[in-house]
Amino acid sequence: MGEQENRSVVEQLWRLMEKQDWQAAGALLHDDFVQEWPQSGERIRGRENCMAINQNYPGFPTQTVGRILAGGDLVTSEVRLDYGGHLYHGVSIFEFRDGKVLKETDFFAQPFDAPGWRAQWVERM
C-alpha cells in the first residue's frame, strides 16, 4: 500500500470513529495493533481493547479533523476534540503494515491563553 492509500485509511478511520461504528473502525486496525497515550502512560494492545475503550468512553467527543500528512507507512493527523465544551487539540501518528494501522500514538492538549511577554514576536491565529 502507498501513502495515498494509508492516508485514505486514516480519513476513513476518523469518519467511522465520529459515527461510532466500532466494528468498521476496528477492521482498519492490524491484528497486532497497539495504541499509546504517552501523556497518561497507557498502552492499549489489540483492536478489541481499543474499540472497547472508545465504545465505553463517557461523553465521547465530537471530532473535527484538520490536516492529514502521509509519507510512506507513516500518517499524521491533527484533530480538535470537543468533550461537551471542553476543547482539546490532538495529534495522532499512525504507522502502517499490510494496509492497516499497526500503531497509533496520540498526543492531546487543552488550549491556553498565550502569555503577553511574547506578543511582539507572534501573530494570533
N, C-alpha and C. Protein backbone atom coordinates (compact mmCIF):
# COMPACT_ATOMS: atom_id res chain seq x y z
N MET A 1 0.85 -1.18 0.00
CA MET A 1 0.00 0.00 0.00
C MET A 1 0.88 1.24 0.00
N GLY A 2 0.45 2.25 -0.70
CA GLY A 2 1.18 3.51 -0.77
C GLY A 2 0.65 4.53 0.21
N GLU A 3 1.32 5.67 0.22
CA GLU A 3 0.94 6.69 1.20
C GLU A 3 -0.45 7.25 0.96
N GLN A 4 -0.90 7.31 -0.30
CA GLN A 4 -2.27 7.80 -0.56
C GLN A 4 -3.30 6.84 0.01
N GLU A 5 -3.06 5.54 -0.13
CA GLU A 5 -3.97 4.54 0.43
C GLU A 5 -3.96 4.62 1.96
N ASN A 6 -2.78 4.80 2.54
CA ASN A 6 -2.68 4.91 4.00
C ASN A 6 -3.42 6.15 4.50
N ARG A 7 -3.24 7.25 3.79
CA ARG A 7 -3.95 8.48 4.15
C ARG A 7 -5.47 8.26 4.09
N SER A 8 -5.91 7.57 3.06
CA SER A 8 -7.33 7.28 2.90
C SER A 8 -7.86 6.44 4.07
N VAL A 9 -7.06 5.48 4.54
CA VAL A 9 -7.46 4.66 5.69
C VAL A 9 -7.64 5.54 6.93
N VAL A 10 -6.72 6.48 7.16
CA VAL A 10 -6.85 7.37 8.33
C VAL A 10 -8.09 8.25 8.20
N GLU A 11 -8.33 8.79 7.02
CA GLU A 11 -9.54 9.60 6.81
C GLU A 11 -10.79 8.77 7.11
N GLN A 12 -10.80 7.55 6.62
CA GLN A 12 -11.94 6.66 6.85
C GLN A 12 -12.06 6.32 8.33
N LEU A 13 -10.95 6.07 9.00
CA LEU A 13 -10.97 5.75 10.42
C LEU A 13 -11.59 6.88 11.23
N TRP A 14 -11.19 8.14 10.95
CA TRP A 14 -11.78 9.28 11.67
C TRP A 14 -13.29 9.37 11.41
N ARG A 15 -13.72 9.14 10.16
CA ARG A 15 -15.16 9.20 9.85
C ARG A 15 -15.93 8.13 10.62
N LEU A 16 -15.38 6.92 10.66
CA LEU A 16 -16.04 5.83 11.36
C LEU A 16 -16.07 6.06 12.87
N MET A 17 -15.00 6.65 13.40
CA MET A 17 -14.98 6.96 14.84
C MET A 17 -16.05 8.00 15.17
N GLU A 18 -16.18 8.99 14.31
CA GLU A 18 -17.19 10.03 14.52
C GLU A 18 -18.59 9.42 14.51
N LYS A 19 -18.81 8.44 13.63
CA LYS A 19 -20.11 7.76 13.54
C LYS A 19 -20.27 6.70 14.63
N GLN A 20 -19.19 6.45 15.37
CA GLN A 20 -19.16 5.43 16.41
C GLN A 20 -19.48 4.04 15.85
N ASP A 21 -18.95 3.78 14.66
CA ASP A 21 -19.07 2.48 14.02
C ASP A 21 -17.84 1.67 14.40
N TRP A 22 -17.87 1.08 15.58
CA TRP A 22 -16.70 0.44 16.17
C TRP A 22 -16.25 -0.78 15.38
N GLN A 23 -17.18 -1.53 14.84
CA GLN A 23 -16.82 -2.73 14.09
C GLN A 23 -16.06 -2.37 12.82
N ALA A 24 -16.58 -1.40 12.07
CA ALA A 24 -15.92 -0.99 10.83
C ALA A 24 -14.58 -0.31 11.12
N ALA A 25 -14.53 0.50 12.16
CA ALA A 25 -13.27 1.15 12.53
C ALA A 25 -12.24 0.11 12.93
N GLY A 26 -12.64 -0.86 13.72
CA GLY A 26 -11.73 -1.91 14.15
C GLY A 26 -11.18 -2.72 13.00
N ALA A 27 -11.95 -2.85 11.93
CA ALA A 27 -11.50 -3.61 10.77
C ALA A 27 -10.32 -2.95 10.06
N LEU A 28 -10.08 -1.67 10.33
CA LEU A 28 -8.96 -0.95 9.72
C LEU A 28 -7.67 -1.11 10.51
N LEU A 29 -7.76 -1.77 11.66
CA LEU A 29 -6.60 -1.95 12.52
C LEU A 29 -5.96 -3.31 12.29
N HIS A 30 -4.66 -3.35 12.32
CA HIS A 30 -3.87 -4.56 12.12
C HIS A 30 -4.11 -5.53 13.27
N ASP A 31 -3.90 -6.82 13.03
CA ASP A 31 -4.05 -7.84 14.08
C ASP A 31 -3.14 -7.55 15.28
N ASP A 32 -1.97 -6.95 15.03
CA ASP A 32 -1.01 -6.63 16.10
C ASP A 32 -1.10 -5.18 16.55
N PHE A 33 -2.25 -4.56 16.40
CA PHE A 33 -2.44 -3.14 16.71
C PHE A 33 -2.05 -2.79 18.15
N VAL A 34 -1.38 -1.64 18.28
CA VAL A 34 -1.02 -1.07 19.58
C VAL A 34 -1.31 0.43 19.51
N GLN A 35 -1.92 0.95 20.57
CA GLN A 35 -2.17 2.39 20.69
C GLN A 35 -1.48 2.88 21.95
N GLU A 36 -0.81 4.04 21.85
CA GLU A 36 -0.11 4.60 23.01
C GLU A 36 -0.57 6.02 23.27
N TRP A 37 -0.74 6.31 24.57
CA TRP A 37 -1.06 7.66 25.05
C TRP A 37 0.06 8.07 25.99
N PRO A 38 1.15 8.66 25.47
CA PRO A 38 2.31 8.98 26.30
C PRO A 38 1.99 9.88 27.49
N GLN A 39 1.04 10.80 27.34
CA GLN A 39 0.76 11.73 28.43
C GLN A 39 0.18 11.04 29.67
N SER A 40 -0.56 9.97 29.47
CA SER A 40 -1.10 9.25 30.63
C SER A 40 -0.33 7.96 30.91
N GLY A 41 0.65 7.66 30.06
CA GLY A 41 1.47 6.46 30.27
C GLY A 41 0.73 5.16 30.02
N GLU A 42 -0.22 5.17 29.06
CA GLU A 42 -1.02 3.98 28.79
C GLU A 42 -0.71 3.40 27.42
N ARG A 43 -0.69 2.09 27.36
CA ARG A 43 -0.55 1.35 26.10
C ARG A 43 -1.74 0.40 26.00
N ILE A 44 -2.39 0.40 24.85
CA ILE A 44 -3.55 -0.43 24.60
C ILE A 44 -3.15 -1.45 23.54
N ARG A 45 -3.24 -2.71 23.87
CA ARG A 45 -2.87 -3.76 22.92
C ARG A 45 -4.13 -4.42 22.36
N GLY A 46 -4.21 -4.45 21.04
CA GLY A 46 -5.30 -5.15 20.38
C GLY A 46 -6.45 -4.25 19.99
N ARG A 47 -7.03 -4.53 18.81
CA ARG A 47 -8.15 -3.73 18.31
C ARG A 47 -9.36 -3.84 19.22
N GLU A 48 -9.58 -5.03 19.82
CA GLU A 48 -10.76 -5.20 20.68
C GLU A 48 -10.68 -4.27 21.90
N ASN A 49 -9.51 -4.18 22.52
CA ASN A 49 -9.35 -3.30 23.67
C ASN A 49 -9.51 -1.84 23.27
N CYS A 50 -8.95 -1.47 22.13
CA CYS A 50 -9.08 -0.10 21.63
C CYS A 50 -10.54 0.26 21.40
N MET A 51 -11.26 -0.59 20.70
CA MET A 51 -12.65 -0.31 20.40
C MET A 51 -13.52 -0.34 21.66
N ALA A 52 -13.19 -1.21 22.62
CA ALA A 52 -13.94 -1.27 23.88
C ALA A 52 -13.79 0.03 24.66
N ILE A 53 -12.59 0.59 24.68
CA ILE A 53 -12.38 1.87 25.37
C ILE A 53 -13.23 2.95 24.71
N ASN A 54 -13.18 3.03 23.39
CA ASN A 54 -13.96 4.05 22.69
C ASN A 54 -15.46 3.84 22.89
N GLN A 55 -15.91 2.61 22.80
CA GLN A 55 -17.33 2.31 22.94
C GLN A 55 -17.84 2.65 24.34
N ASN A 56 -17.00 2.51 25.34
CA ASN A 56 -17.41 2.76 26.72
C ASN A 56 -16.96 4.11 27.25
N TYR A 57 -16.41 4.95 26.37
CA TYR A 57 -15.90 6.25 26.79
C TYR A 57 -17.06 7.15 27.22
N PRO A 58 -17.04 7.63 28.46
CA PRO A 58 -18.13 8.52 28.90
C PRO A 58 -18.03 9.88 28.21
N GLY A 59 -19.08 10.26 27.50
CA GLY A 59 -19.07 11.56 26.82
C GLY A 59 -18.12 11.59 25.63
N PHE A 60 -18.22 10.60 24.75
CA PHE A 60 -17.35 10.52 23.58
C PHE A 60 -17.34 11.86 22.84
N PRO A 61 -16.17 12.35 22.47
CA PRO A 61 -16.08 13.71 21.92
C PRO A 61 -16.54 13.83 20.47
N THR A 62 -16.92 15.04 20.10
CA THR A 62 -17.12 15.41 18.71
C THR A 62 -15.75 15.71 18.14
N GLN A 63 -15.49 15.23 16.93
CA GLN A 63 -14.17 15.36 16.34
C GLN A 63 -14.21 16.22 15.09
N THR A 64 -13.24 17.12 14.98
CA THR A 64 -13.06 17.91 13.77
C THR A 64 -11.64 17.66 13.29
N VAL A 65 -11.52 16.94 12.20
CA VAL A 65 -10.21 16.56 11.69
C VAL A 65 -9.64 17.71 10.87
N GLY A 66 -8.38 18.00 11.11
CA GLY A 66 -7.68 19.04 10.36
C GLY A 66 -6.75 18.42 9.34
N ARG A 67 -5.54 18.88 9.36
CA ARG A 67 -4.54 18.45 8.38
C ARG A 67 -4.14 16.99 8.56
N ILE A 68 -3.99 16.30 7.46
CA ILE A 68 -3.50 14.91 7.45
C ILE A 68 -2.32 14.87 6.48
N LEU A 69 -1.20 14.37 6.95
CA LEU A 69 0.01 14.26 6.12
C LEU A 69 0.44 12.80 6.07
N ALA A 70 0.83 12.36 4.88
CA ALA A 70 1.25 10.97 4.70
C ALA A 70 2.60 10.90 4.03
N GLY A 71 3.42 9.98 4.51
CA GLY A 71 4.71 9.70 3.90
C GLY A 71 5.07 8.25 4.13
N GLY A 72 5.05 7.46 3.08
CA GLY A 72 5.36 6.05 3.21
C GLY A 72 4.35 5.36 4.11
N ASP A 73 4.85 4.65 5.11
CA ASP A 73 3.99 3.91 6.05
C ASP A 73 3.65 4.72 7.30
N LEU A 74 3.77 6.06 7.21
CA LEU A 74 3.51 6.93 8.35
C LEU A 74 2.50 8.00 7.95
N VAL A 75 1.46 8.18 8.77
CA VAL A 75 0.45 9.21 8.53
C VAL A 75 0.26 9.96 9.84
N THR A 76 0.18 11.29 9.77
CA THR A 76 -0.13 12.09 10.94
C THR A 76 -1.43 12.86 10.68
N SER A 77 -2.16 13.09 11.77
CA SER A 77 -3.39 13.88 11.64
C SER A 77 -3.51 14.83 12.82
N GLU A 78 -4.13 15.97 12.54
CA GLU A 78 -4.47 16.93 13.58
C GLU A 78 -5.98 16.83 13.79
N VAL A 79 -6.41 16.94 15.04
CA VAL A 79 -7.84 16.84 15.32
C VAL A 79 -8.19 17.76 16.48
N ARG A 80 -9.39 18.30 16.42
CA ARG A 80 -9.95 19.09 17.53
C ARG A 80 -11.03 18.23 18.16
N LEU A 81 -10.92 18.03 19.45
CA LEU A 81 -11.86 17.19 20.19
C LEU A 81 -12.68 18.06 21.13
N ASP A 82 -13.99 17.92 21.04
CA ASP A 82 -14.90 18.70 21.88
C ASP A 82 -15.64 17.74 22.81
N TYR A 83 -15.26 17.79 24.07
CA TYR A 83 -15.89 16.97 25.10
C TYR A 83 -16.94 17.82 25.80
N GLY A 84 -18.05 18.08 25.12
CA GLY A 84 -19.14 18.86 25.71
C GLY A 84 -18.71 20.26 26.12
N GLY A 85 -17.95 20.93 25.28
CA GLY A 85 -17.50 22.29 25.57
C GLY A 85 -16.08 22.36 26.08
N HIS A 86 -15.50 21.26 26.45
CA HIS A 86 -14.09 21.21 26.87
C HIS A 86 -13.28 20.80 25.65
N LEU A 87 -12.47 21.74 25.14
CA LEU A 87 -11.76 21.51 23.89
C LEU A 87 -10.35 21.00 24.13
N TYR A 88 -9.94 20.11 23.24
CA TYR A 88 -8.57 19.60 23.21
C TYR A 88 -8.11 19.60 21.76
N HIS A 89 -6.82 19.83 21.57
CA HIS A 89 -6.21 19.68 20.26
C HIS A 89 -5.36 18.42 20.32
N GLY A 90 -5.42 17.62 19.26
CA GLY A 90 -4.69 16.38 19.26
C GLY A 90 -3.89 16.17 17.99
N VAL A 91 -2.84 15.40 18.14
CA VAL A 91 -2.05 14.94 17.01
C VAL A 91 -1.93 13.43 17.15
N SER A 92 -2.22 12.74 16.07
CA SER A 92 -2.11 11.28 16.06
C SER A 92 -1.09 10.87 15.01
N ILE A 93 -0.26 9.93 15.38
CA ILE A 93 0.74 9.37 14.47
C ILE A 93 0.35 7.92 14.22
N PHE A 94 0.12 7.58 12.96
CA PHE A 94 -0.31 6.25 12.57
C PHE A 94 0.82 5.57 11.80
N GLU A 95 1.15 4.35 12.19
CA GLU A 95 2.13 3.55 11.48
C GLU A 95 1.40 2.37 10.85
N PHE A 96 1.75 2.05 9.61
CA PHE A 96 1.03 1.04 8.83
C PHE A 96 1.86 -0.21 8.57
N ARG A 97 1.14 -1.31 8.48
CA ARG A 97 1.69 -2.57 7.97
C ARG A 97 0.57 -3.29 7.24
N ASP A 98 0.87 -3.76 6.06
CA ASP A 98 -0.09 -4.52 5.25
C ASP A 98 -1.40 -3.77 5.02
N GLY A 99 -1.32 -2.43 4.87
CA GLY A 99 -2.51 -1.64 4.57
C GLY A 99 -3.42 -1.36 5.75
N LYS A 100 -2.98 -1.73 6.97
CA LYS A 100 -3.79 -1.48 8.17
C LYS A 100 -2.96 -0.73 9.20
N VAL A 101 -3.65 -0.07 10.13
CA VAL A 101 -2.97 0.68 11.18
C VAL A 101 -2.36 -0.32 12.17
N LEU A 102 -1.04 -0.29 12.27
CA LEU A 102 -0.31 -1.15 13.19
C LEU A 102 -0.14 -0.49 14.55
N LYS A 103 0.19 0.80 14.54
CA LYS A 103 0.43 1.52 15.79
C LYS A 103 -0.13 2.93 15.65
N GLU A 104 -0.75 3.40 16.73
CA GLU A 104 -1.27 4.76 16.81
C GLU A 104 -0.75 5.38 18.09
N THR A 105 -0.13 6.54 17.97
CA THR A 105 0.34 7.29 19.13
C THR A 105 -0.39 8.62 19.13
N ASP A 106 -1.07 8.94 20.25
CA ASP A 106 -1.90 10.14 20.34
C ASP A 106 -1.38 11.09 21.41
N PHE A 107 -1.35 12.37 21.06
CA PHE A 107 -0.99 13.44 21.99
C PHE A 107 -2.15 14.43 22.05
N PHE A 108 -2.51 14.87 23.25
CA PHE A 108 -3.64 15.78 23.45
C PHE A 108 -3.21 16.95 24.32
N ALA A 109 -3.79 18.12 24.06
CA ALA A 109 -3.53 19.28 24.91
C ALA A 109 -4.74 20.21 24.87
N GLN A 110 -5.02 20.84 26.00
CA GLN A 110 -6.07 21.85 26.04
C GLN A 110 -5.50 23.18 25.59
N PRO A 111 -6.32 24.00 24.92
CA PRO A 111 -5.87 25.34 24.55
C PRO A 111 -5.58 26.16 25.81
N PHE A 112 -4.71 27.14 25.68
CA PHE A 112 -4.39 28.04 26.79
C PHE A 112 -4.12 29.43 26.24
N ASP A 113 -4.27 30.43 27.10
CA ASP A 113 -4.01 31.80 26.70
C ASP A 113 -2.51 32.02 26.57
N ALA A 114 -2.13 32.66 25.46
CA ALA A 114 -0.72 32.95 25.23
C ALA A 114 -0.25 34.03 26.21
N PRO A 115 0.95 33.89 26.74
CA PRO A 115 1.47 34.92 27.64
C PRO A 115 1.78 36.21 26.88
N GLY A 116 1.51 37.32 27.51
CA GLY A 116 1.71 38.62 26.87
C GLY A 116 3.15 38.96 26.55
N TRP A 117 4.11 38.41 27.27
CA TRP A 117 5.50 38.79 27.10
C TRP A 117 6.05 38.50 25.70
N ARG A 118 5.45 37.55 24.98
CA ARG A 118 5.98 37.21 23.66
C ARG A 118 5.13 37.77 22.51
N ALA A 119 4.15 38.61 22.83
CA ALA A 119 3.21 39.12 21.83
C ALA A 119 3.91 39.85 20.68
N GLN A 120 5.02 40.49 20.93
CA GLN A 120 5.69 41.25 19.87
C GLN A 120 6.31 40.36 18.79
N TRP A 121 6.45 39.08 19.04
CA TRP A 121 7.09 38.16 18.10
C TRP A 121 6.14 37.16 17.44
N VAL A 122 4.88 37.22 17.78
CA VAL A 122 3.93 36.25 17.25
C VAL A 122 2.74 36.93 16.60
N GLU A 123 2.00 36.18 15.83
CA GLU A 123 0.70 36.63 15.35
C GLU A 123 -0.35 35.67 15.88
N ARG A 124 -1.50 36.18 16.19
CA ARG A 124 -2.60 35.37 16.71
C ARG A 124 -3.24 34.60 15.57
N MET A 125 -3.63 33.35 15.86
CA MET A 125 -4.30 32.51 14.85
C MET A 125 -5.79 32.51 15.12
